[in-house]
PDB file of N, CA and C in Angstrom:
ATOM      1  N   MET A   1       0.847  -1.190   0.000  1.00  0.00           N
ATOM      2  CA  MET A   1       0.000   0.000   0.000  1.00  0.00           C
ATOM      3  C   MET A   1       0.885   1.243   0.000  1.00  0.00           C
ATOM      4  N   SER A   2       0.299   2.384  -0.173  1.00  0.00           N
ATOM      5  CA  SER A   2       1.076   3.613  -0.260  1.00  0.00           C
ATOM      6  C   SER A   2       0.386   4.747   0.485  1.00  0.00           C
ATOM      7  N   ALA A   3       1.032   5.897   0.500  1.00  0.00           N
ATOM      8  CA  ALA A   3       0.522   7.108   1.128  1.00  0.00           C
ATOM      9  C   ALA A   3       0.785   8.268   0.171  1.00  0.00           C
ATOM     10  N   THR A   4       0.183   9.417   0.463  1.00  0.00           N
ATOM     11  CA  THR A   4       0.270  10.565  -0.434  1.00  0.00           C
ATOM     12  C   THR A   4       0.769  11.806   0.301  1.00  0.00           C
ATOM     13  N   VAL A   5       1.672  12.523  -0.354  1.00  0.00           N
ATOM     14  CA  VAL A   5       2.161  13.803   0.159  1.00  0.00           C
ATOM     15  C   VAL A   5       1.873  14.857  -0.903  1.00  0.00           C
ATOM     16  N   THR A   6       1.164  15.914  -0.500  1.00  0.00           N
ATOM     17  CA  THR A   6       0.820  17.011  -1.398  1.00  0.00           C
ATOM     18  C   THR A   6       1.542  18.268  -0.932  1.00  0.00           C
ATOM     19  N   ILE A   7       2.103  19.004  -1.880  1.00  0.00           N
ATOM     20  CA  ILE A   7       2.730  20.279  -1.575  1.00  0.00           C
ATOM     21  C   ILE A   7       2.006  21.341  -2.384  1.00  0.00           C
ATOM     22  N   VAL A   8       1.494  22.371  -1.683  1.00  0.00           N
ATOM     23  CA  VAL A   8       0.764  23.463  -2.322  1.00  0.00           C
ATOM     24  C   VAL A   8       1.566  24.746  -2.171  1.00  0.00           C
ATOM     25  N   ARG A   9       1.381  25.652  -3.109  1.00  0.00           N
ATOM     26  CA  ARG A   9       2.078  26.948  -3.052  1.00  0.00           C
ATOM     27  C   ARG A   9       1.051  28.042  -3.273  1.00  0.00           C
ATOM     28  N   LYS A  10       0.525  28.562  -2.154  1.00  0.00           N
ATOM     29  CA  LYS A  10      -0.556  29.545  -2.248  1.00  0.00           C
ATOM     30  C   LYS A  10      -0.492  30.630  -1.178  1.00  0.00           C
ATOM     31  N   SER A  11       0.547  30.646  -0.366  1.00  0.00           N
ATOM     32  CA  SER A  11       0.638  31.585   0.746  1.00  0.00           C
ATOM     33  C   SER A  11       0.752  33.030   0.280  1.00  0.00           C
ATOM     34  N   GLU A  12       0.094  33.925   0.998  1.00  0.00           N
ATOM     35  CA  GLU A  12       0.216  35.355   0.709  1.00  0.00           C
ATOM     36  C   GLU A  12       1.606  35.875   1.069  1.00  0.00           C
ATOM     37  N   GLN A  13       2.374  35.101   1.850  1.00  0.00           N
ATOM     38  CA  GLN A  13       3.755  35.482   2.192  1.00  0.00           C
ATOM     39  C   GLN A  13       4.723  35.177   1.041  1.00  0.00           C
ATOM     40  N   ASP A  14       4.271  34.413   0.066  1.00  0.00           N
ATOM     41  CA  ASP A  14       5.113  34.008  -1.059  1.00  0.00           C
ATOM     42  C   ASP A  14       5.395  35.210  -1.962  1.00  0.00           C
ATOM     43  N   ILE A  15       6.584  35.245  -2.564  1.00  0.00           N
ATOM     44  CA  ILE A  15       6.924  36.326  -3.494  1.00  0.00           C
ATOM     45  C   ILE A  15       6.172  36.187  -4.822  1.00  0.00           C
ATOM     46  N   LYS A  16       5.510  35.054  -5.011  1.00  0.00           N
ATOM     47  CA  LYS A  16       4.625  34.789  -6.158  1.00  0.00           C
ATOM     48  C   LYS A  16       5.353  34.740  -7.501  1.00  0.00           C
ATOM     49  N   MET A  17       6.640  34.471  -7.453  1.00  0.00           N
ATOM     50  CA  MET A  17       7.415  34.280  -8.678  1.00  0.00           C
ATOM     51  C   MET A  17       8.573  33.355  -8.344  1.00  0.00           C
ATOM     52  N   ARG A  18       9.296  32.963  -9.329  1.00  0.00           N
ATOM     53  CA  ARG A  18      10.447  32.068  -9.200  1.00  0.00           C
ATOM     54  C   ARG A  18      10.000  30.632  -8.942  1.00  0.00           C
ATOM     55  N   ASP A  19      10.873  29.725  -9.324  1.00  0.00           N
ATOM     56  CA  ASP A  19      10.596  28.299  -9.142  1.00  0.00           C
ATOM     57  C   ASP A  19      10.721  27.889  -7.678  1.00  0.00           C
ATOM     58  N   PHE A  20       9.976  26.870  -7.319  1.00  0.00           N
ATOM     59  CA  PHE A  20      10.054  26.237  -6.003  1.00  0.00           C
ATOM     60  C   PHE A  20      10.146  24.747  -6.296  1.00  0.00           C
ATOM     61  N   ASN A  21      11.319  24.171  -6.085  1.00  0.00           N
ATOM     62  CA  ASN A  21      11.556  22.768  -6.432  1.00  0.00           C
ATOM     63  C   ASN A  21      11.493  21.891  -5.189  1.00  0.00           C
ATOM     64  N   VAL A  22      10.743  20.797  -5.275  1.00  0.00           N
ATOM     65  CA  VAL A  22      10.594  19.881  -4.147  1.00  0.00           C
ATOM     66  C   VAL A  22      10.923  18.458  -4.580  1.00  0.00           C
ATOM     67  N   ARG A  23      11.406  17.684  -3.607  1.00  0.00           N
ATOM     68  CA  ARG A  23      11.762  16.290  -3.852  1.00  0.00           C
ATOM     69  C   ARG A  23      11.571  15.535  -2.540  1.00  0.00           C
ATOM     70  N   ILE A  24      11.069  14.324  -2.625  1.00  0.00           N
ATOM     71  CA  ILE A  24      10.985  13.451  -1.457  1.00  0.00           C
ATOM     72  C   ILE A  24      11.979  12.324  -1.657  1.00  0.00           C
ATOM     73  N   ASP A  25      12.856  12.186  -0.655  1.00  0.00           N
ATOM     74  CA  ASP A  25      13.906  11.165  -0.693  1.00  0.00           C
ATOM     75  C   ASP A  25      14.652  11.276  -2.028  1.00  0.00           C
ATOM     76  N   ASP A  26      14.697  10.201  -2.787  1.00  0.00           N
ATOM     77  CA  ASP A  26      15.411  10.211  -4.062  1.00  0.00           C
ATOM     78  C   ASP A  26      14.474  10.222  -5.267  1.00  0.00           C
ATOM     79  N   GLN A  27      13.205  10.587  -5.047  1.00  0.00           N
ATOM     80  CA  GLN A  27      12.268  10.665  -6.163  1.00  0.00           C
ATOM     81  C   GLN A  27      12.622  11.853  -7.056  1.00  0.00           C
ATOM     82  N   GLU A  28      12.019  11.861  -8.230  1.00  0.00           N
ATOM     83  CA  GLU A  28      12.226  12.953  -9.174  1.00  0.00           C
ATOM     84  C   GLU A  28      11.731  14.271  -8.580  1.00  0.00           C
ATOM     85  N   SER A  29      12.461  15.339  -8.856  1.00  0.00           N
ATOM     86  CA  SER A  29      12.109  16.677  -8.376  1.00  0.00           C
ATOM     87  C   SER A  29      10.906  17.214  -9.142  1.00  0.00           C
ATOM     88  N   HIS A  30      10.031  17.940  -8.430  1.00  0.00           N
ATOM     89  CA  HIS A  30       8.883  18.600  -9.048  1.00  0.00           C
ATOM     90  C   HIS A  30       9.052  20.109  -8.864  1.00  0.00           C
ATOM     91  N   THR A  31       8.699  20.884  -9.871  1.00  0.00           N
ATOM     92  CA  THR A  31       8.746  22.342  -9.796  1.00  0.00           C
ATOM     93  C   THR A  31       7.327  22.870  -9.647  1.00  0.00           C
ATOM     94  N   ILE A  32       7.134  23.737  -8.645  1.00  0.00           N
ATOM     95  CA  ILE A  32       5.811  24.313  -8.382  1.00  0.00           C
ATOM     96  C   ILE A  32       5.875  25.826  -8.569  1.00  0.00           C
ATOM     97  N   GLN A  33       5.003  26.344  -9.401  1.00  0.00           N
ATOM     98  CA  GLN A  33       4.847  27.791  -9.543  1.00  0.00           C
ATOM     99  C   GLN A  33       3.778  28.248  -8.538  1.00  0.00           C
ATOM    100  N   PHE A  34       3.721  29.556  -8.273  1.00  0.00           N
ATOM    101  CA  PHE A  34       2.718  30.065  -7.336  1.00  0.00           C
ATOM    102  C   PHE A  34       1.313  29.711  -7.829  1.00  0.00           C
ATOM    103  N   GLY A  35       0.474  29.235  -6.919  1.00  0.00           N
ATOM    104  CA  GLY A  35      -0.896  28.843  -7.245  1.00  0.00           C
ATOM    105  C   GLY A  35      -1.028  27.386  -7.644  1.00  0.00           C
ATOM    106  N   GLN A  36       0.077  26.667  -7.767  1.00  0.00           N
ATOM    107  CA  GLN A  36       0.050  25.267  -8.168  1.00  0.00           C
ATOM    108  C   GLN A  36       0.287  24.345  -6.969  1.00  0.00           C
ATOM    109  N   SER A  37       0.125  23.062  -7.226  1.00  0.00           N
ATOM    110  CA  SER A  37       0.433  22.041  -6.233  1.00  0.00           C
ATOM    111  C   SER A  37       1.015  20.827  -6.957  1.00  0.00           C
ATOM    112  N   THR A  38       1.608  19.949  -6.186  1.00  0.00           N
ATOM    113  CA  THR A  38       2.130  18.702  -6.736  1.00  0.00           C
ATOM    114  C   THR A  38       1.923  17.609  -5.714  1.00  0.00           C
ATOM    115  N   GLU A  39       1.981  16.382  -6.169  1.00  0.00           N
ATOM    116  CA  GLU A  39       1.686  15.247  -5.299  1.00  0.00           C
ATOM    117  C   GLU A  39       2.737  14.153  -5.499  1.00  0.00           C
ATOM    118  N   PHE A  40       3.119  13.523  -4.399  1.00  0.00           N
ATOM    119  CA  PHE A  40       4.041  12.395  -4.412  1.00  0.00           C
ATOM    120  C   PHE A  40       3.345  11.193  -3.795  1.00  0.00           C
ATOM    121  N   THR A  41       3.593  10.024  -4.326  1.00  0.00           N
ATOM    122  CA  THR A  41       3.163   8.772  -3.728  1.00  0.00           C
ATOM    123  C   THR A  41       4.382   8.158  -3.065  1.00  0.00           C
ATOM    124  N   VAL A  42       4.246   7.798  -1.780  1.00  0.00           N
ATOM    125  CA  VAL A  42       5.368   7.249  -1.023  1.00  0.00           C
ATOM    126  C   VAL A  42       4.925   5.997  -0.278  1.00  0.00           C
ATOM    127  N   GLU A  43       5.889   5.213   0.117  1.00  0.00           N
ATOM    128  CA  GLU A  43       5.622   4.061   0.975  1.00  0.00           C
ATOM    129  C   GLU A  43       5.480   4.561   2.412  1.00  0.00           C
ATOM    130  N   PRO A  44       4.692   3.880   3.239  1.00  0.00           N
ATOM    131  CA  PRO A  44       4.595   4.272   4.647  1.00  0.00           C
ATOM    132  C   PRO A  44       5.984   4.252   5.289  1.00  0.00           C
ATOM    133  N   GLY A  45       6.203   5.164   6.245  1.00  0.00           N
ATOM    134  CA  GLY A  45       7.472   5.206   6.946  1.00  0.00           C
ATOM    135  C   GLY A  45       8.021   6.611   7.058  1.00  0.00           C
ATOM    136  N   HIS A  46       9.333   6.695   7.269  1.00  0.00           N
ATOM    137  CA  HIS A  46      10.021   7.959   7.475  1.00  0.00           C
ATOM    138  C   HIS A  46      10.564   8.488   6.142  1.00  0.00           C
ATOM    139  N   HIS A  47      10.374   9.784   5.905  1.00  0.00           N
ATOM    140  CA  HIS A  47      10.802  10.406   4.648  1.00  0.00           C
ATOM    141  C   HIS A  47      11.366  11.796   4.900  1.00  0.00           C
ATOM    142  N   GLU A  48      12.074  12.305   3.891  1.00  0.00           N
ATOM    143  CA  GLU A  48      12.590  13.665   3.925  1.00  0.00           C
ATOM    144  C   GLU A  48      12.104  14.427   2.699  1.00  0.00           C
ATOM    145  N   LEU A  49      11.448  15.541   2.953  1.00  0.00           N
ATOM    146  CA  LEU A  49      10.983  16.446   1.911  1.00  0.00           C
ATOM    147  C   LEU A  49      12.001  17.579   1.808  1.00  0.00           C
ATOM    148  N   LYS A  50      12.552  17.761   0.621  1.00  0.00           N
ATOM    149  CA  LYS A  50      13.559  18.786   0.394  1.00  0.00           C
ATOM    150  C   LYS A  50      12.992  19.835  -0.548  1.00  0.00           C
ATOM    151  N   ALA A  51      13.269  21.100  -0.257  1.00  0.00           N
ATOM    152  CA  ALA A  51      12.846  22.195  -1.131  1.00  0.00           C
ATOM    153  C   ALA A  51      14.034  23.093  -1.403  1.00  0.00           C
ATOM    154  N   THR A  52      14.119  23.621  -2.618  1.00  0.00           N
ATOM    155  CA  THR A  52      15.194  24.532  -2.983  1.00  0.00           C
ATOM    156  C   THR A  52      14.696  25.571  -3.975  1.00  0.00           C
ATOM    157  N   ASN A  53      15.346  26.717  -3.947  1.00  0.00           N
ATOM    158  CA  ASN A  53      15.103  27.726  -4.972  1.00  0.00           C
ATOM    159  C   ASN A  53      16.343  27.868  -5.845  1.00  0.00           C
ATOM    160  N   GLY A  54      17.268  26.923  -5.712  1.00  0.00           N
ATOM    161  CA  GLY A  54      18.503  26.933  -6.483  1.00  0.00           C
ATOM    162  C   GLY A  54      19.677  27.504  -5.714  1.00  0.00           C
ATOM    163  N   VAL A  55      19.399  28.306  -4.687  1.00  0.00           N
ATOM    164  CA  VAL A  55      20.450  28.882  -3.857  1.00  0.00           C
ATOM    165  C   VAL A  55      20.305  28.401  -2.420  1.00  0.00           C
ATOM    166  N   TYR A  56      19.121  28.554  -1.872  1.00  0.00           N
ATOM    167  CA  TYR A  56      18.846  28.153  -0.496  1.00  0.00           C
ATOM    168  C   TYR A  56      18.045  26.858  -0.500  1.00  0.00           C
ATOM    169  N   HIS A  57      18.216  26.071   0.561  1.00  0.00           N
ATOM    170  CA  HIS A  57      17.550  24.777   0.685  1.00  0.00           C
ATOM    171  C   HIS A  57      16.912  24.651   2.061  1.00  0.00           C
ATOM    172  N   THR A  58      15.894  23.830   2.146  1.00  0.00           N
ATOM    173  CA  THR A  58      15.299  23.497   3.434  1.00  0.00           C
ATOM    174  C   THR A  58      14.900  22.031   3.402  1.00  0.00           C
ATOM    175  N   LEU A  59      14.787  21.434   4.572  1.00  0.00           N
ATOM    176  CA  LEU A  59      14.496  20.008   4.691  1.00  0.00           C
ATOM    177  C   LEU A  59      13.480  19.800   5.802  1.00  0.00           C
ATOM    178  N   GLU A  60      12.497  18.972   5.545  1.00  0.00           N
ATOM    179  CA  GLU A  60      11.477  18.638   6.539  1.00  0.00           C
ATOM    180  C   GLU A  60      11.346  17.124   6.589  1.00  0.00           C
ATOM    181  N   SER A  61      11.602  16.543   7.762  1.00  0.00           N
ATOM    182  CA  SER A  61      11.432  15.095   7.956  1.00  0.00           C
ATOM    183  C   SER A  61      10.026  14.821   8.456  1.00  0.00           C
ATOM    184  N   PHE A  62       9.457  13.680   8.032  1.00  0.00           N
ATOM    185  CA  PHE A  62       8.108  13.332   8.475  1.00  0.00           C
ATOM    186  C   PHE A  62       7.919  11.826   8.407  1.00  0.00           C
ATOM    187  N   ASP A  63       6.950  11.362   9.166  1.00  0.00           N
ATOM    188  CA  ASP A  63       6.514   9.968   9.130  1.00  0.00           C
ATOM    189  C   ASP A  63       5.096   9.938   8.592  1.00  0.00           C
ATOM    190  N   ILE A  64       4.811   8.912   7.805  1.00  0.00           N
ATOM    191  CA  ILE A  64       3.486   8.797   7.202  1.00  0.00           C
ATOM    192  C   ILE A  64       3.026   7.346   7.282  1.00  0.00           C
ATOM    193  N   ALA A  65       1.735   7.165   7.549  1.00  0.00           N
ATOM    194  CA  ALA A  65       1.158   5.829   7.684  1.00  0.00           C
ATOM    195  C   ALA A  65       0.494   5.399   6.376  1.00  0.00           C
ATOM    196  N   GLU A  66       0.267   4.125   6.268  1.00  0.00           N
ATOM    197  CA  GLU A  66      -0.397   3.554   5.091  1.00  0.00           C
ATOM    198  C   GLU A  66      -1.746   4.232   4.868  1.00  0.00           C
ATOM    199  N   GLY A  67      -1.990   4.677   3.639  1.00  0.00           N
ATOM    200  CA  GLY A  67      -3.254   5.308   3.270  1.00  0.00           C
ATOM    201  C   GLY A  67      -3.389   6.754   3.714  1.00  0.00           C
ATOM    202  N   GLU A  68      -2.432   7.266   4.456  1.00  0.00           N
ATOM    203  CA  GLU A  68      -2.503   8.634   4.974  1.00  0.00           C
ATOM    204  C   GLU A  68      -2.138   9.642   3.887  1.00  0.00           C
ATOM    205  N   THR A  69      -2.689  10.849   4.013  1.00  0.00           N
ATOM    206  CA  THR A  69      -2.318  11.969   3.155  1.00  0.00           C
ATOM    207  C   THR A  69      -1.801  13.085   4.041  1.00  0.00           C
ATOM    208  N   ILE A  70      -0.627  13.582   3.727  1.00  0.00           N
ATOM    209  CA  ILE A  70      -0.039  14.717   4.434  1.00  0.00           C
ATOM    210  C   ILE A  70       0.110  15.852   3.442  1.00  0.00           C
ATOM    211  N   GLN A  71      -0.151  17.070   3.929  1.00  0.00           N
ATOM    212  CA  GLN A  71      -0.049  18.234   3.047  1.00  0.00           C
ATOM    213  C   GLN A  71       0.939  19.244   3.638  1.00  0.00           C
ATOM    214  N   PHE A  72       1.805  19.761   2.767  1.00  0.00           N
ATOM    215  CA  PHE A  72       2.748  20.809   3.126  1.00  0.00           C
ATOM    216  C   PHE A  72       2.468  22.030   2.277  1.00  0.00           C
ATOM    217  N   GLU A  73       2.792  23.190   2.836  1.00  0.00           N
ATOM    218  CA  GLU A  73       2.736  24.425   2.067  1.00  0.00           C
ATOM    219  C   GLU A  73       4.170  24.841   1.780  1.00  0.00           C
ATOM    220  N   GLY A  74       4.468  25.132   0.521  1.00  0.00           N
ATOM    221  CA  GLY A  74       5.780  25.623   0.120  1.00  0.00           C
ATOM    222  C   GLY A  74       5.698  27.112  -0.121  1.00  0.00           C
ATOM    223  N   ILE A  75       6.687  27.838   0.398  1.00  0.00           N
ATOM    224  CA  ILE A  75       6.680  29.298   0.294  1.00  0.00           C
ATOM    225  C   ILE A  75       8.062  29.777  -0.130  1.00  0.00           C
ATOM    226  N   ASN A  76       8.137  30.610  -1.153  1.00  0.00           N
ATOM    227  CA  ASN A  76       9.348  31.358  -1.465  1.00  0.00           C
ATOM    228  C   ASN A  76       9.181  32.703  -0.765  1.00  0.00           C
ATOM    229  N   LYS A  77       9.863  32.874   0.372  1.00  0.00           N
ATOM    230  CA  LYS A  77       9.674  34.067   1.201  1.00  0.00           C
ATOM    231  C   LYS A  77      10.874  34.996   1.093  1.00  0.00           C
ATOM    232  N   GLN A  78      10.583  36.282   0.912  1.00  0.00           N
ATOM    233  CA  GLN A  78      11.644  37.272   0.808  1.00  0.00           C
ATOM    234  C   GLN A  78      12.415  37.339   2.116  1.00  0.00           C
ATOM    235  N   LYS A  79      13.740  37.351   1.987  1.00  0.00           N
ATOM    236  CA  LYS A  79      14.590  37.496   3.166  1.00  0.00           C
ATOM    237  C   LYS A  79      14.577  38.959   3.590  1.00  0.00           C
ATOM    238  N   VAL A  80      14.695  39.183   4.897  1.00  0.00           N
ATOM    239  CA  VAL A  80      14.735  40.543   5.422  1.00  0.00           C
ATOM    240  C   VAL A  80      16.091  40.784   6.068  1.00  0.00           C
ATOM    241  N   GLY A  81      16.451  42.026   6.177  1.00  0.00           N
ATOM    242  CA  GLY A  81      17.718  42.374   6.801  1.00  0.00           C
ATOM    243  C   GLY A  81      18.544  43.261   5.891  1.00  0.00           C
ATOM    244  N   LEU A  82      19.635  43.747   6.430  1.00  0.00           N
ATOM    245  CA  LEU A  82      20.486  44.692   5.721  1.00  0.00           C
ATOM    246  C   LEU A  82      21.054  44.116   4.424  1.00  0.00           C
ATOM    247  N   LEU A  83      21.539  42.859   4.474  1.00  0.00           N
ATOM    248  CA  LEU A  83      22.101  42.250   3.274  1.00  0.00           C
ATOM    249  C   LEU A  83      21.068  42.150   2.162  1.00  0.00           C
ATOM    250  N   SER A  84      19.837  41.807   2.523  1.00  0.00           N
ATOM    251  CA  SER A  84      18.766  41.708   1.535  1.00  0.00           C
ATOM    252  C   SER A  84      18.475  43.070   0.907  1.00  0.00           C
ATOM    253  N   VAL A  85      18.421  44.113   1.728  1.00  0.00           N
ATOM    254  CA  VAL A  85      18.166  45.470   1.225  1.00  0.00           C
ATOM    255  C   VAL A  85      19.297  45.911   0.302  1.00  0.00           C
ATOM    256  N   LEU A  86      20.540  45.646   0.703  1.00  0.00           N
ATOM    257  CA  LEU A  86      21.688  46.014  -0.133  1.00  0.00           C
ATOM    258  C   LEU A  86      21.685  45.266  -1.459  1.00  0.00           C
ATOM    259  N   THR A  87      21.319  43.996  -1.421  1.00  0.00           N
ATOM    260  CA  THR A  87      21.264  43.199  -2.652  1.00  0.00           C
ATOM    261  C   THR A  87      20.254  43.777  -3.627  1.00  0.00           C
ATOM    262  N   VAL A  88      19.095  44.166  -3.132  1.00  0.00           N
ATOM    263  CA  VAL A  88      18.076  44.771  -4.001  1.00  0.00           C
ATOM    264  C   VAL A  88      18.574  46.109  -4.535  1.00  0.00           C
ATOM    265  N   ALA A  89      19.185  46.931  -3.668  1.00  0.00           N
ATOM    266  CA  ALA A  89      19.659  48.257  -4.080  1.00  0.00           C
ATOM    267  C   ALA A  89      20.773  48.167  -5.116  1.00  0.00           C
ATOM    268  N   ILE A  90      21.687  47.210  -4.934  1.00  0.00           N
ATOM    269  CA  ILE A  90      22.844  47.114  -5.826  1.00  0.00           C
ATOM    270  C   ILE A  90      22.526  46.375  -7.120  1.00  0.00           C
ATOM    271  N   SER A  91      21.861  45.234  -6.999  1.00  0.00           N
ATOM    272  CA  SER A  91      21.659  44.396  -8.190  1.00  0.00           C
ATOM    273  C   SER A  91      20.229  44.387  -8.719  1.00  0.00           C
ATOM    274  N   GLY A  92      19.306  44.855  -7.905  1.00  0.00           N
ATOM    275  CA  GLY A  92      17.905  44.832  -8.329  1.00  0.00           C
ATOM    276  C   GLY A  92      17.249  43.470  -8.179  1.00  0.00           C
ATOM    277  N   THR A  93      17.980  42.518  -7.578  1.00  0.00           N
ATOM    278  CA  THR A  93      17.406  41.191  -7.366  1.00  0.00           C
ATOM    279  C   THR A  93      17.034  41.002  -5.899  1.00  0.00           C
ATOM    280  N   MET A  94      16.033  40.223  -5.690  1.00  0.00           N
ATOM    281  CA  MET A  94      15.501  39.967  -4.364  1.00  0.00           C
ATOM    282  C   MET A  94      16.063  38.661  -3.817  1.00  0.00           C
ATOM    283  N   MET A  95      16.466  38.678  -2.547  1.00  0.00           N
ATOM    284  CA  MET A  95      16.887  37.442  -1.890  1.00  0.00           C
ATOM    285  C   MET A  95      15.640  36.792  -1.274  1.00  0.00           C
ATOM    286  N   TYR A  96      15.493  35.507  -1.505  1.00  0.00           N
ATOM    287  CA  TYR A  96      14.345  34.802  -0.950  1.00  0.00           C
ATOM    288  C   TYR A  96      14.770  33.392  -0.567  1.00  0.00           C
ATOM    289  N   ARG A  97      14.023  32.798   0.360  1.00  0.00           N
ATOM    290  CA  ARG A  97      14.369  31.460   0.833  1.00  0.00           C
ATOM    291  C   ARG A  97      13.136  30.565   0.800  1.00  0.00           C
ATOM    292  N   PRO A  98      13.351  29.280   0.584  1.00  0.00           N
ATOM    293  CA  PRO A  98      12.220  28.347   0.581  1.00  0.00           C
ATOM    294  C   PRO A  98      11.849  27.973   2.015  1.00  0.00           C
ATOM    295  N   ILE A  99      10.560  27.866   2.256  1.00  0.00           N
ATOM    296  CA  ILE A  99      10.031  27.451   3.550  1.00  0.00           C
ATOM    297  C   ILE A  99       9.029  26.326   3.303  1.00  0.00           C
ATOM    298  N   LEU A 100       9.036  25.327   4.170  1.00  0.00           N
ATOM    299  CA  LEU A 100       8.036  24.252   4.149  1.00  0.00           C
ATOM    300  C   LEU A 100       7.280  24.270   5.465  1.00  0.00           C
ATOM    301  N   ARG A 101       5.958  24.230   5.394  1.00  0.00           N
ATOM    302  CA  ARG A 101       5.114  24.169   6.587  1.00  0.00           C
ATOM    303  C   ARG A 101       4.139  23.014   6.438  1.00  0.00           C
ATOM    304  N   LYS A 102       4.122  22.139   7.426  1.00  0.00           N
ATOM    305  CA  LYS A 102       3.148  21.055   7.422  1.00  0.00           C
ATOM    306  C   LYS A 102       1.787  21.636   7.778  1.00  0.00           C
ATOM    307  N   LEU A 103       0.790  21.349   6.959  1.00  0.00           N
ATOM    308  CA  LEU A 103      -0.562  21.852   7.191  1.00  0.00           C
ATOM    309  C   LEU A 103      -1.372  20.837   7.993  1.00  0.00           C
ATOM    310  N   ASP A 104      -2.214  21.366   8.861  1.00  0.00           N
ATOM    311  CA  ASP A 104      -3.106  20.519   9.644  1.00  0.00           C
ATOM    312  C   ASP A 104      -4.333  20.221   8.793  1.00  0.00           C
ATOM    313  N   THR A 105      -4.462  18.981   8.356  1.00  0.00           N
ATOM    314  CA  THR A 105      -5.581  18.602   7.493  1.00  0.00           C
ATOM    315  C   THR A 105      -6.664  17.866   8.271  1.00  0.00           C
ATOM    316  N   SER A 106      -6.529  17.834   9.607  1.00  0.00           N
ATOM    317  CA  SER A 106      -7.538  17.142  10.411  1.00  0.00           C
ATOM    318  C   SER A 106      -8.829  17.952  10.397  1.00  0.00           C
ATOM    319  N   GLN A 107      -9.904  17.245  10.479  1.00  0.00           N
ATOM    320  CA  GLN A 107     -11.225  17.887  10.460  1.00  0.00           C
ATOM    321  C   GLN A 107     -11.801  17.821  11.864  1.00  0.00           C
ATOM    322  N   GLY A 108     -12.292  18.922  12.322  1.00  0.00           N
ATOM    323  CA  GLY A 108     -12.888  18.874  13.635  1.00  0.00           C
ATOM    324  C   GLY A 108     -12.733  20.124  14.301  1.00  0.00           C
TER     325      GLY A 108
END
Protein backbone atom coordinates (compact mmCIF):
# COMPACT_ATOMS: atom_id res chain seq x y z
CA MET A 1 0.00 0.00 0.00
CA SER A 2 1.08 3.61 -0.26
CA ALA A 3 0.52 7.11 1.13
CA THR A 4 0.27 10.57 -0.43
CA VAL A 5 2.16 13.80 0.16
CA THR A 6 0.82 17.01 -1.40
CA ILE A 7 2.73 20.28 -1.58
CA VAL A 8 0.76 23.46 -2.32
CA ARG A 9 2.08 26.95 -3.05
CA LYS A 10 -0.56 29.55 -2.25
CA SER A 11 0.64 31.58 0.75
CA GLU A 12 0.22 35.36 0.71
CA GLN A 13 3.76 35.48 2.19
CA ASP A 14 5.11 34.01 -1.06
CA ILE A 15 6.92 36.33 -3.49
CA LYS A 16 4.62 34.79 -6.16
CA MET A 17 7.41 34.28 -8.68
CA ARG A 18 10.45 32.07 -9.20
CA ASP A 19 10.60 28.30 -9.14
CA PHE A 20 10.05 26.24 -6.00
CA ASN A 21 11.56 22.77 -6.43
CA VAL A 22 10.59 19.88 -4.15
CA ARG A 23 11.76 16.29 -3.85
CA ILE A 24 10.99 13.45 -1.46
CA ASP A 25 13.91 11.17 -0.69
CA ASP A 26 15.41 10.21 -4.06
CA GLN A 27 12.27 10.66 -6.16
CA GLU A 28 12.23 12.95 -9.17
CA SER A 29 12.11 16.68 -8.38
CA HIS A 30 8.88 18.60 -9.05
CA THR A 31 8.75 22.34 -9.80
CA ILE A 32 5.81 24.31 -8.38
CA GLN A 33 4.85 27.79 -9.54
CA PHE A 34 2.72 30.07 -7.34
CA GLY A 35 -0.90 28.84 -7.24
CA GLN A 36 0.05 25.27 -8.17
CA SER A 37 0.43 22.04 -6.23
CA THR A 38 2.13 18.70 -6.74
CA GLU A 39 1.69 15.25 -5.30
CA PHE A 40 4.04 12.40 -4.41
CA THR A 41 3.16 8.77 -3.73
CA VAL A 42 5.37 7.25 -1.02
CA GLU A 43 5.62 4.06 0.98
CA PRO A 44 4.59 4.27 4.65
CA GLY A 45 7.47 5.21 6.95
CA HIS A 46 10.02 7.96 7.47
CA HIS A 47 10.80 10.41 4.65
CA GLU A 48 12.59 13.67 3.92
CA LEU A 49 10.98 16.45 1.91
CA LYS A 50 13.56 18.79 0.39
CA ALA A 51 12.85 22.20 -1.13
CA THR A 52 15.19 24.53 -2.98
CA ASN A 53 15.10 27.73 -4.97
CA GLY A 54 18.50 26.93 -6.48
CA VAL A 55 20.45 28.88 -3.86
CA TYR A 56 18.85 28.15 -0.50
CA HIS A 57 17.55 24.78 0.69
CA THR A 58 15.30 23.50 3.43
CA LEU A 59 14.50 20.01 4.69
CA GLU A 60 11.48 18.64 6.54
CA SER A 61 11.43 15.10 7.96
CA PHE A 62 8.11 13.33 8.48
CA ASP A 63 6.51 9.97 9.13
CA ILE A 64 3.49 8.80 7.20
CA ALA A 65 1.16 5.83 7.68
CA GLU A 66 -0.40 3.55 5.09
CA GLY A 67 -3.25 5.31 3.27
CA GLU A 68 -2.50 8.63 4.97
CA THR A 69 -2.32 11.97 3.16
CA ILE A 70 -0.04 14.72 4.43
CA GLN A 71 -0.05 18.23 3.05
CA PHE A 72 2.75 20.81 3.13
CA GLU A 73 2.74 24.42 2.07
CA GLY A 74 5.78 25.62 0.12
CA ILE A 75 6.68 29.30 0.29
CA ASN A 76 9.35 31.36 -1.47
CA LYS A 77 9.67 34.07 1.20
CA GLN A 78 11.64 37.27 0.81
CA LYS A 79 14.59 37.50 3.17
CA VAL A 80 14.74 40.54 5.42
CA GLY A 81 17.72 42.37 6.80
CA LEU A 82 20.49 44.69 5.72
CA LEU A 83 22.10 42.25 3.27
CA SER A 84 18.77 41.71 1.54
CA VAL A 85 18.17 45.47 1.23
CA LEU A 86 21.69 46.01 -0.13
CA THR A 87 21.26 43.20 -2.65
CA VAL A 88 18.08 44.77 -4.00
CA ALA A 89 19.66 48.26 -4.08
CA ILE A 90 22.84 47.11 -5.83
CA SER A 91 21.66 44.40 -8.19
CA GLY A 92 17.90 44.83 -8.33
CA THR A 93 17.41 41.19 -7.37
CA MET A 94 15.50 39.97 -4.36
CA MET A 95 16.89 37.44 -1.89
CA TYR A 96 14.35 34.80 -0.95
CA ARG A 97 14.37 31.46 0.83
CA PRO A 98 12.22 28.35 0.58
CA ILE A 99 10.03 27.45 3.55
CA LEU A 100 8.04 24.25 4.15
CA ARG A 101 5.11 24.17 6.59
CA LYS A 102 3.15 21.05 7.42
CA LEU A 103 -0.56 21.85 7.19
CA ASP A 104 -3.11 20.52 9.64
CA THR A 105 -5.58 18.60 7.49
CA SER A 106 -7.54 17.14 10.41
CA GLN A 107 -11.22 17.89 10.46
CA GLY A 108 -12.89 18.87 13.63
